[in-house]
Amino acid sequence: MKSSTLLALLCLQAALVMGIFAAVAKENAVGESKAIDINPGQLKCCTNCNFSFSGLYTCDDVKKDCDPVCKKCVAVMAYSGNKFKCTDTFLGICGPKC
C-alpha cells in the first residue's frame, strides 16, 4: 500500500471513531450541566442563606418542620432528633432572619 492510501485510511478510521464517541457523549449528555429547578416561591424566613450574585439562593436552616413553600425537603440527623432542611433553589433575595 502506498503511504498516502494508508494515511487516508487512518484518517477515515479516526473520524469514524470520533463520530461514535461524539454520538455516545451526546446521548449521555457528558459534560453538559443540568438545568437548575428553581422554586418560584419565597421562604417566610432564612437565617443561614447562601446567596449568589446570579440572583439564586438556598437556605441551610435546619428546622423541626419544613416550610410549606419547600418542594424538596430532606431529613437531617440532629442531636435532638430528626430535623428537616429545604434543598430548593430560589430566585430573588433571602427572606428575613428567623
PDB file of N, CA and C in Angstrom:
ATOM      1  N   MET A   1       0.831  -1.187   0.000  1.00  0.00           N
ATOM      2  CA  MET A   1       0.000   0.000   0.000  1.00  0.00           C
ATOM      3  C   MET A   1       0.873   1.247   0.000  1.00  0.00           C
ATOM      4  N   LYS A   2       0.429   2.217  -0.686  1.00  0.00           N
ATOM      5  CA  LYS A   2       1.147   3.478  -0.699  1.00  0.00           C
ATOM      6  C   LYS A   2       0.910   4.193   0.633  1.00  0.00           C
ATOM      7  N   SER A   3       1.857   5.005   1.010  1.00  0.00           N
ATOM      8  CA  SER A   3       1.734   5.723   2.283  1.00  0.00           C
ATOM      9  C   SER A   3       0.566   6.707   2.265  1.00  0.00           C
ATOM     10  N   SER A   4       0.252   7.281   1.123  1.00  0.00           N
ATOM     11  CA  SER A   4      -0.866   8.221   1.041  1.00  0.00           C
ATOM     12  C   SER A   4      -2.202   7.489   1.227  1.00  0.00           C
ATOM     13  N   THR A   5      -2.311   6.264   0.703  1.00  0.00           N
ATOM     14  CA  THR A   5      -3.534   5.473   0.881  1.00  0.00           C
ATOM     15  C   THR A   5      -3.685   5.062   2.333  1.00  0.00           C
ATOM     16  N   LEU A   6      -2.579   4.656   2.944  1.00  0.00           N
ATOM     17  CA  LEU A   6      -2.604   4.263   4.347  1.00  0.00           C
ATOM     18  C   LEU A   6      -2.974   5.449   5.233  1.00  0.00           C
ATOM     19  N   LEU A   7      -2.431   6.609   4.931  1.00  0.00           N
ATOM     20  CA  LEU A   7      -2.754   7.822   5.688  1.00  0.00           C
ATOM     21  C   LEU A   7      -4.235   8.171   5.543  1.00  0.00           C
ATOM     22  N   ALA A   8      -4.775   8.035   4.341  1.00  0.00           N
ATOM     23  CA  ALA A   8      -6.198   8.330   4.114  1.00  0.00           C
ATOM     24  C   ALA A   8      -7.078   7.357   4.901  1.00  0.00           C
ATOM     25  N   LEU A   9      -6.722   6.081   4.933  1.00  0.00           N
ATOM     26  CA  LEU A   9      -7.500   5.094   5.695  1.00  0.00           C
ATOM     27  C   LEU A   9      -7.441   5.367   7.199  1.00  0.00           C
ATOM     28  N   LEU A  10      -6.276   5.747   7.692  1.00  0.00           N
ATOM     29  CA  LEU A  10      -6.148   6.068   9.114  1.00  0.00           C
ATOM     30  C   LEU A  10      -6.974   7.300   9.484  1.00  0.00           C
ATOM     31  N   CYS A  11      -6.994   8.289   8.614  1.00  0.00           N
ATOM     32  CA  CYS A  11      -7.808   9.495   8.859  1.00  0.00           C
ATOM     33  C   CYS A  11      -9.292   9.162   8.870  1.00  0.00           C
ATOM     34  N   LEU A  12      -9.732   8.330   7.930  1.00  0.00           N
ATOM     35  CA  LEU A  12     -11.143   7.918   7.905  1.00  0.00           C
ATOM     36  C   LEU A  12     -11.505   7.115   9.140  1.00  0.00           C
ATOM     37  N   GLN A  13     -10.626   6.234   9.579  1.00  0.00           N
ATOM     38  CA  GLN A  13     -10.886   5.438  10.769  1.00  0.00           C
ATOM     39  C   GLN A  13     -10.945   6.339  12.005  1.00  0.00           C
ATOM     40  N   ALA A  14     -10.059   7.297  12.104  1.00  0.00           N
ATOM     41  CA  ALA A  14     -10.063   8.228  13.232  1.00  0.00           C
ATOM     42  C   ALA A  14     -11.352   9.053  13.250  1.00  0.00           C
ATOM     43  N   ALA A  15     -11.797   9.496  12.082  1.00  0.00           N
ATOM     44  CA  ALA A  15     -13.044  10.266  12.004  1.00  0.00           C
ATOM     45  C   ALA A  15     -14.235   9.409  12.410  1.00  0.00           C
ATOM     46  N   LEU A  16     -14.233   8.147  12.030  1.00  0.00           N
ATOM     47  CA  LEU A  16     -15.316   7.234  12.395  1.00  0.00           C
ATOM     48  C   LEU A  16     -15.356   7.024  13.902  1.00  0.00           C
ATOM     49  N   VAL A  17     -14.200   6.793  14.510  1.00  0.00           N
ATOM     50  CA  VAL A  17     -14.138   6.590  15.963  1.00  0.00           C
ATOM     51  C   VAL A  17     -14.567   7.853  16.695  1.00  0.00           C
ATOM     52  N   MET A  18     -14.120   9.018  16.237  1.00  0.00           N
ATOM     53  CA  MET A  18     -14.522  10.273  16.877  1.00  0.00           C
ATOM     54  C   MET A  18     -16.023  10.499  16.744  1.00  0.00           C
ATOM     55  N   GLY A  19     -16.596  10.135  15.608  1.00  0.00           N
ATOM     56  CA  GLY A  19     -18.044  10.263  15.421  1.00  0.00           C
ATOM     57  C   GLY A  19     -18.816   9.374  16.355  1.00  0.00           C
ATOM     58  N   ILE A  20     -18.336   8.168  16.583  1.00  0.00           N
ATOM     59  CA  ILE A  20     -19.009   7.252  17.520  1.00  0.00           C
ATOM     60  C   ILE A  20     -18.948   7.808  18.931  1.00  0.00           C
ATOM     61  N   PHE A  21     -17.761   8.297  19.348  1.00  0.00           N
ATOM     62  CA  PHE A  21     -17.645   8.873  20.686  1.00  0.00           C
ATOM     63  C   PHE A  21     -18.513  10.122  20.842  1.00  0.00           C
ATOM     64  N   ALA A  22     -18.620  10.917  19.811  1.00  0.00           N
ATOM     65  CA  ALA A  22     -19.459  12.119  19.874  1.00  0.00           C
ATOM     66  C   ALA A  22     -20.927  11.748  20.024  1.00  0.00           C
ATOM     67  N   ALA A  23     -21.365  10.703  19.319  1.00  0.00           N
ATOM     68  CA  ALA A  23     -22.763  10.276  19.424  1.00  0.00           C
ATOM     69  C   ALA A  23     -23.071   9.734  20.814  1.00  0.00           C
ATOM     70  N   VAL A  24     -22.147   8.973  21.374  1.00  0.00           N
ATOM     71  CA  VAL A  24     -22.346   8.425  22.718  1.00  0.00           C
ATOM     72  C   VAL A  24     -22.346   9.547  23.749  1.00  0.00           C
ATOM     73  N   ALA A  25     -21.445  10.503  23.605  1.00  0.00           N
ATOM     74  CA  ALA A  25     -21.372  11.615  24.549  1.00  0.00           C
ATOM     75  C   ALA A  25     -22.645  12.457  24.492  1.00  0.00           C
ATOM     76  N   LYS A  26     -23.182  12.674  23.306  1.00  0.00           N
ATOM     77  CA  LYS A  26     -24.412  13.460  23.179  1.00  0.00           C
ATOM     78  C   LYS A  26     -25.589  12.727  23.795  1.00  0.00           C
ATOM     79  N   GLU A  27     -25.618  11.405  23.612  1.00  0.00           N
ATOM     80  CA  GLU A  27     -26.713  10.618  24.170  1.00  0.00           C
ATOM     81  C   GLU A  27     -26.669  10.610  25.691  1.00  0.00           C
ATOM     82  N   ASN A  28     -25.465  10.564  26.256  1.00  0.00           N
ATOM     83  CA  ASN A  28     -25.313  10.525  27.711  1.00  0.00           C
ATOM     84  C   ASN A  28     -25.186  11.906  28.321  1.00  0.00           C
ATOM     85  N   ALA A  29     -25.177  12.946  27.527  1.00  0.00           N
ATOM     86  CA  ALA A  29     -25.053  14.341  27.971  1.00  0.00           C
ATOM     87  C   ALA A  29     -23.804  14.527  28.825  1.00  0.00           C
ATOM     88  N   VAL A  30     -22.688  13.983  28.355  1.00  0.00           N
ATOM     89  CA  VAL A  30     -21.437  14.119  29.070  1.00  0.00           C
ATOM     90  C   VAL A  30     -20.951  15.554  28.965  1.00  0.00           C
ATOM     91  N   GLY A  31     -20.615  16.145  30.088  1.00  0.00           N
ATOM     92  CA  GLY A  31     -20.070  17.493  30.090  1.00  0.00           C
ATOM     93  C   GLY A  31     -21.108  18.596  30.071  1.00  0.00           C
ATOM     94  N   GLU A  32     -22.373  18.265  29.986  1.00  0.00           N
ATOM     95  CA  GLU A  32     -23.414  19.288  29.995  1.00  0.00           C
ATOM     96  C   GLU A  32     -23.961  19.419  31.405  1.00  0.00           C
ATOM     97  N   SER A  33     -24.206  20.628  31.828  1.00  0.00           N
ATOM     98  CA  SER A  33     -24.775  20.822  33.151  1.00  0.00           C
ATOM     99  C   SER A  33     -26.287  20.680  33.088  1.00  0.00           C
ATOM    100  N   LYS A  34     -26.833  20.176  34.150  1.00  0.00           N
ATOM    101  CA  LYS A  34     -28.282  20.013  34.244  1.00  0.00           C
ATOM    102  C   LYS A  34     -28.903  21.371  34.586  1.00  0.00           C
ATOM    103  N   ALA A  35     -30.103  21.596  34.129  1.00  0.00           N
ATOM    104  CA  ALA A  35     -30.801  22.836  34.445  1.00  0.00           C
ATOM    105  C   ALA A  35     -31.198  22.828  35.916  1.00  0.00           C
ATOM    106  N   ILE A  36     -31.119  23.967  36.555  1.00  0.00           N
ATOM    107  CA  ILE A  36     -31.490  24.075  37.965  1.00  0.00           C
ATOM    108  C   ILE A  36     -32.995  24.245  38.051  1.00  0.00           C
ATOM    109  N   ASP A  37     -33.611  23.449  38.903  1.00  0.00           N
ATOM    110  CA  ASP A  37     -35.050  23.559  39.136  1.00  0.00           C
ATOM    111  C   ASP A  37     -35.267  24.663  40.164  1.00  0.00           C
ATOM    112  N   ILE A  38     -35.786  25.798  39.719  1.00  0.00           N
ATOM    113  CA  ILE A  38     -35.951  26.960  40.591  1.00  0.00           C
ATOM    114  C   ILE A  38     -37.353  26.985  41.167  1.00  0.00           C
ATOM    115  N   ASN A  39     -37.430  27.111  42.477  1.00  0.00           N
ATOM    116  CA  ASN A  39     -38.709  27.226  43.171  1.00  0.00           C
ATOM    117  C   ASN A  39     -39.138  28.689  43.093  1.00  0.00           C
ATOM    118  N   PRO A  40     -40.313  28.974  42.514  1.00  0.00           N
ATOM    119  CA  PRO A  40     -40.736  30.375  42.366  1.00  0.00           C
ATOM    120  C   PRO A  40     -41.256  30.997  43.670  1.00  0.00           C
ATOM    121  N   GLY A  41     -41.398  30.195  44.709  1.00  0.00           N
ATOM    122  CA  GLY A  41     -41.929  30.706  45.978  1.00  0.00           C
ATOM    123  C   GLY A  41     -40.905  31.505  46.756  1.00  0.00           C
ATOM    124  N   GLN A  42     -41.280  31.893  47.964  1.00  0.00           N
ATOM    125  CA  GLN A  42     -40.422  32.665  48.856  1.00  0.00           C
ATOM    126  C   GLN A  42     -40.547  32.083  50.256  1.00  0.00           C
ATOM    127  N   LEU A  43     -39.422  31.738  50.880  1.00  0.00           N
ATOM    128  CA  LEU A  43     -39.450  31.232  52.247  1.00  0.00           C
ATOM    129  C   LEU A  43     -39.883  32.349  53.189  1.00  0.00           C
ATOM    130  N   LYS A  44     -40.598  31.990  54.265  1.00  0.00           N
ATOM    131  CA  LYS A  44     -41.029  33.039  55.186  1.00  0.00           C
ATOM    132  C   LYS A  44     -39.867  33.594  56.001  1.00  0.00           C
ATOM    133  N   CYS A  45     -38.813  32.762  56.230  1.00  0.00           N
ATOM    134  CA  CYS A  45     -37.624  33.266  56.908  1.00  0.00           C
ATOM    135  C   CYS A  45     -36.443  32.350  56.625  1.00  0.00           C
ATOM    136  N   CYS A  46     -35.222  32.902  56.725  1.00  0.00           N
ATOM    137  CA  CYS A  46     -34.000  32.122  56.496  1.00  0.00           C
ATOM    138  C   CYS A  46     -32.848  32.801  57.223  1.00  0.00           C
ATOM    139  N   THR A  47     -32.201  32.069  58.131  1.00  0.00           N
ATOM    140  CA  THR A  47     -31.071  32.619  58.879  1.00  0.00           C
ATOM    141  C   THR A  47     -29.747  32.327  58.186  1.00  0.00           C
ATOM    142  N   ASN A  48     -29.577  31.094  57.685  1.00  0.00           N
ATOM    143  CA  ASN A  48     -28.333  30.683  57.023  1.00  0.00           C
ATOM    144  C   ASN A  48     -28.546  30.662  55.520  1.00  0.00           C
ATOM    145  N   CYS A  49     -28.454  31.817  54.901  1.00  0.00           N
ATOM    146  CA  CYS A  49     -28.750  31.960  53.486  1.00  0.00           C
ATOM    147  C   CYS A  49     -27.474  31.912  52.652  1.00  0.00           C
ATOM    148  N   ASN A  50     -27.477  31.112  51.599  1.00  0.00           N
ATOM    149  CA  ASN A  50     -26.371  31.061  50.639  1.00  0.00           C
ATOM    150  C   ASN A  50     -26.825  31.781  49.375  1.00  0.00           C
ATOM    151  N   PHE A  51     -26.448  33.038  49.262  1.00  0.00           N
ATOM    152  CA  PHE A  51     -26.861  33.879  48.138  1.00  0.00           C
ATOM    153  C   PHE A  51     -25.723  33.971  47.135  1.00  0.00           C
ATOM    154  N   SER A  52     -26.054  33.891  45.852  1.00  0.00           N
ATOM    155  CA  SER A  52     -25.042  34.070  44.810  1.00  0.00           C
ATOM    156  C   SER A  52     -25.396  35.322  44.001  1.00  0.00           C
ATOM    157  N   PHE A  53     -24.407  35.853  43.304  1.00  0.00           N
ATOM    158  CA  PHE A  53     -24.629  37.065  42.520  1.00  0.00           C
ATOM    159  C   PHE A  53     -25.511  36.813  41.311  1.00  0.00           C
ATOM    160  N   SER A  54     -25.805  35.550  41.007  1.00  0.00           N
ATOM    161  CA  SER A  54     -26.695  35.244  39.885  1.00  0.00           C
ATOM    162  C   SER A  54     -28.149  35.491  40.252  1.00  0.00           C
ATOM    163  N   GLY A  55     -28.410  35.772  41.523  1.00  0.00           N
ATOM    164  CA  GLY A  55     -29.783  36.004  41.968  1.00  0.00           C
ATOM    165  C   GLY A  55     -30.444  34.756  42.519  1.00  0.00           C
ATOM    166  N   LEU A  56     -29.695  33.656  42.637  1.00  0.00           N
ATOM    167  CA  LEU A  56     -30.229  32.417  43.186  1.00  0.00           C
ATOM    168  C   LEU A  56     -29.732  32.242  44.614  1.00  0.00           C
ATOM    169  N   TYR A  57     -30.546  31.606  45.449  1.00  0.00           N
ATOM    170  CA  TYR A  57     -30.103  31.328  46.808  1.00  0.00           C
ATOM    171  C   TYR A  57     -30.704  30.023  47.316  1.00  0.00           C
ATOM    172  N   THR A  58     -30.017  29.453  48.290  1.00  0.00           N
ATOM    173  CA  THR A  58     -30.529  28.297  49.018  1.00  0.00           C
ATOM    174  C   THR A  58     -30.467  28.636  50.495  1.00  0.00           C
ATOM    175  N   CYS A  59     -31.301  27.985  51.283  1.00  0.00           N
ATOM    176  CA  CYS A  59     -31.351  28.232  52.719  1.00  0.00           C
ATOM    177  C   CYS A  59     -30.861  26.978  53.433  1.00  0.00           C
ATOM    178  N   ASP A  60     -29.844  27.124  54.287  1.00  0.00           N
ATOM    179  CA  ASP A  60     -29.277  25.986  55.006  1.00  0.00           C
ATOM    180  C   ASP A  60     -29.829  25.841  56.414  1.00  0.00           C
ATOM    181  N   ASP A  61     -30.940  26.457  56.702  1.00  0.00           N
ATOM    182  CA  ASP A  61     -31.551  26.310  58.024  1.00  0.00           C
ATOM    183  C   ASP A  61     -32.024  24.878  58.236  1.00  0.00           C
ATOM    184  N   VAL A  62     -31.815  24.373  59.435  1.00  0.00           N
ATOM    185  CA  VAL A  62     -32.325  23.060  59.835  1.00  0.00           C
ATOM    186  C   VAL A  62     -33.398  23.323  60.884  1.00  0.00           C
ATOM    187  N   LYS A  63     -34.616  22.895  60.576  1.00  0.00           N
ATOM    188  CA  LYS A  63     -35.762  23.212  61.441  1.00  0.00           C
ATOM    189  C   LYS A  63     -36.520  21.948  61.816  1.00  0.00           C
ATOM    190  N   LYS A  64     -37.441  22.087  62.777  1.00  0.00           N
ATOM    191  CA  LYS A  64     -38.225  20.917  63.195  1.00  0.00           C
ATOM    192  C   LYS A  64     -39.253  20.522  62.142  1.00  0.00           C
ATOM    193  N   ASP A  65     -39.618  21.447  61.250  1.00  0.00           N
ATOM    194  CA  ASP A  65     -40.524  21.116  60.144  1.00  0.00           C
ATOM    195  C   ASP A  65     -40.142  21.968  58.931  1.00  0.00           C
ATOM    196  N   CYS A  66     -40.572  21.532  57.780  1.00  0.00           N
ATOM    197  CA  CYS A  66     -40.212  22.241  56.547  1.00  0.00           C
ATOM    198  C   CYS A  66     -41.223  23.336  56.233  1.00  0.00           C
ATOM    199  N   ASP A  67     -40.735  24.363  55.594  1.00  0.00           N
ATOM    200  CA  ASP A  67     -41.591  25.458  55.145  1.00  0.00           C
ATOM    201  C   ASP A  67     -42.572  24.910  54.106  1.00  0.00           C
ATOM    202  N   PRO A  68     -43.842  25.321  54.142  1.00  0.00           N
ATOM    203  CA  PRO A  68     -44.821  24.821  53.164  1.00  0.00           C
ATOM    204  C   PRO A  68     -44.472  25.145  51.713  1.00  0.00           C
ATOM    205  N   VAL A  69     -43.660  26.163  51.480  1.00  0.00           N
ATOM    206  CA  VAL A  69     -43.264  26.548  50.122  1.00  0.00           C
ATOM    207  C   VAL A  69     -42.251  25.553  49.549  1.00  0.00           C
ATOM    208  N   CYS A  70     -41.529  24.857  50.417  1.00  0.00           N
ATOM    209  CA  CYS A  70     -40.448  23.969  50.005  1.00  0.00           C
ATOM    210  C   CYS A  70     -40.983  22.753  49.253  1.00  0.00           C
ATOM    211  N   LYS A  71     -40.342  22.461  48.094  1.00  0.00           N
ATOM    212  CA  LYS A  71     -40.730  21.294  47.292  1.00  0.00           C
ATOM    213  C   LYS A  71     -39.897  20.066  47.633  1.00  0.00           C
ATOM    214  N   LYS A  72     -38.597  20.269  47.941  1.00  0.00           N
ATOM    215  CA  LYS A  72     -37.700  19.162  48.273  1.00  0.00           C
ATOM    216  C   LYS A  72     -37.156  19.368  49.680  1.00  0.00           C
ATOM    217  N   CYS A  73     -37.641  18.592  50.610  1.00  0.00           N
ATOM    218  CA  CYS A  73     -37.235  18.693  51.997  1.00  0.00           C
ATOM    219  C   CYS A  73     -36.564  17.386  52.387  1.00  0.00           C
ATOM    220  N   VAL A  74     -35.374  17.453  53.007  1.00  0.00           N
ATOM    221  CA  VAL A  74     -34.658  16.245  53.401  1.00  0.00           C
ATOM    222  C   VAL A  74     -34.522  16.196  54.917  1.00  0.00           C
ATOM    223  N   ALA A  75     -34.551  14.975  55.442  1.00  0.00           N
ATOM    224  CA  ALA A  75     -34.366  14.776  56.879  1.00  0.00           C
ATOM    225  C   ALA A  75     -32.887  14.896  57.212  1.00  0.00           C
ATOM    226  N   VAL A  76     -32.596  15.551  58.324  1.00  0.00           N
ATOM    227  CA  VAL A  76     -31.230  15.749  58.779  1.00  0.00           C
ATOM    228  C   VAL A  76     -31.139  15.205  60.199  1.00  0.00           C
ATOM    229  N   MET A  77     -30.136  14.364  60.438  1.00  0.00           N
ATOM    230  CA  MET A  77     -29.951  13.823  61.789  1.00  0.00           C
ATOM    231  C   MET A  77     -29.408  14.933  62.689  1.00  0.00           C
ATOM    232  N   ALA A  78     -30.039  15.114  63.823  1.00  0.00           N
ATOM    233  CA  ALA A  78     -29.601  16.108  64.795  1.00  0.00           C
ATOM    234  C   ALA A  78     -29.569  15.450  66.169  1.00  0.00           C
ATOM    235  N   TYR A  79     -28.842  16.055  67.094  1.00  0.00           N
ATOM    236  CA  TYR A  79     -28.716  15.502  68.436  1.00  0.00           C
ATOM    237  C   TYR A  79     -30.081  15.386  69.114  1.00  0.00           C
ATOM    238  N   SER A  80     -30.944  16.339  68.863  1.00  0.00           N
ATOM    239  CA  SER A  80     -32.270  16.357  69.486  1.00  0.00           C
ATOM    240  C   SER A  80     -33.318  15.598  68.680  1.00  0.00           C
ATOM    241  N   GLY A  81     -32.919  14.823  67.681  1.00  0.00           N
ATOM    242  CA  GLY A  81     -33.866  14.074  66.860  1.00  0.00           C
ATOM    243  C   GLY A  81     -33.815  14.545  65.414  1.00  0.00           C
ATOM    244  N   ASN A  82     -34.684  13.978  64.595  1.00  0.00           N
ATOM    245  CA  ASN A  82     -34.706  14.349  63.181  1.00  0.00           C
ATOM    246  C   ASN A  82     -35.230  15.762  62.993  1.00  0.00           C
ATOM    247  N   LYS A  83     -34.532  16.477  62.134  1.00  0.00           N
ATOM    248  CA  LYS A  83     -34.974  17.809  61.728  1.00  0.00           C
ATOM    249  C   LYS A  83     -34.981  17.819  60.208  1.00  0.00           C
ATOM    250  N   PHE A  84     -35.387  18.938  59.612  1.00  0.00           N
ATOM    251  CA  PHE A  84     -35.551  18.998  58.168  1.00  0.00           C
ATOM    252  C   PHE A  84     -34.856  20.218  57.583  1.00  0.00           C
ATOM    253  N   LYS A  85     -34.424  20.051  56.323  1.00  0.00           N
ATOM    254  CA  LYS A  85     -33.753  21.134  55.599  1.00  0.00           C
ATOM    255  C   LYS A  85     -34.342  21.210  54.189  1.00  0.00           C
ATOM    256  N   CYS A  86     -34.677  22.404  53.762  1.00  0.00           N
ATOM    257  CA  CYS A  86     -35.189  22.622  52.416  1.00  0.00           C
ATOM    258  C   CYS A  86     -34.006  22.706  51.453  1.00  0.00           C
ATOM    259  N   THR A  87     -34.011  21.891  50.400  1.00  0.00           N
ATOM    260  CA  THR A  87     -32.902  21.883  49.450  1.00  0.00           C
ATOM    261  C   THR A  87     -33.253  22.594  48.141  1.00  0.00           C
ATOM    262  N   ASP A  88     -34.328  23.333  48.129  1.00  0.00           N
ATOM    263  CA  ASP A  88     -34.733  24.058  46.920  1.00  0.00           C
ATOM    264  C   ASP A  88     -33.790  25.220  46.629  1.00  0.00           C
ATOM    265  N   THR A  89     -33.762  25.614  45.360  1.00  0.00           N
ATOM    266  CA  THR A  89     -33.051  26.820  44.939  1.00  0.00           C
ATOM    267  C   THR A  89     -34.116  27.862  44.602  1.00  0.00           C
ATOM    268  N   PHE A  90     -33.947  29.036  45.165  1.00  0.00           N
ATOM    269  CA  PHE A  90     -34.934  30.101  44.990  1.00  0.00           C
ATOM    270  C   PHE A  90     -34.332  31.251  44.188  1.00  0.00           C
ATOM    271  N   LEU A  91     -35.187  32.014  43.552  1.00  0.00           N
ATOM    272  CA  LEU A  91     -34.784  33.191  42.786  1.00  0.00           C
ATOM    273  C   LEU A  91     -35.174  34.430  43.571  1.00  0.00           C
ATOM    274  N   GLY A  92     -34.253  35.350  43.729  1.00  0.00           N
ATOM    275  CA  GLY A  92     -34.554  36.578  44.459  1.00  0.00           C
ATOM    276  C   GLY A  92     -33.541  36.816  45.547  1.00  0.00           C
ATOM    277  N   ILE A  93     -33.993  37.440  46.632  1.00  0.00           N
ATOM    278  CA  ILE A  93     -33.117  37.691  47.770  1.00  0.00           C
ATOM    279  C   ILE A  93     -33.651  36.913  48.965  1.00  0.00           C
ATOM    280  N   CYS A  94     -32.779  36.670  49.927  1.00  0.00           N
ATOM    281  CA  CYS A  94     -33.169  35.898  51.104  1.00  0.00           C
ATOM    282  C   CYS A  94     -34.219  36.644  51.906  1.00  0.00           C
ATOM    283  N   GLY A  95     -35.079  35.871  52.531  1.00  0.00           N
ATOM    284  CA  GLY A  95     -36.120  36.457  53.346  1.00  0.00           C
ATOM    285  C   GLY A  95     -35.567  36.958  54.677  1.00  0.00           C
ATOM    286  N   PRO A  96     -36.428  37.397  55.571  1.00  0.00           N
ATOM    287  CA  PRO A  96     -35.960  37.871  56.879  1.00  0.00           C
ATOM    288  C   PRO A  96     -35.387  36.712  57.702  1.00  0.00           C
ATOM    289  N   LYS A  97     -34.513  37.045  58.667  1.00  0.00           N
ATOM    290  CA  LYS A  97     -33.935  36.011  59.520  1.00  0.00           C
ATOM    291  C   LYS A  97     -35.000  35.461  60.460  1.00  0.00           C
ATOM    292  N   CYS A  98     -34.879  34.186  60.768  1.00  0.00           N
ATOM    293  CA  CYS A  98     -35.857  33.526  61.651  1.00  0.00           C
ATOM    294  C   CYS A  98     -35.622  33.915  63.101  1.00  0.00           C
TER     295      CYS A  98
END
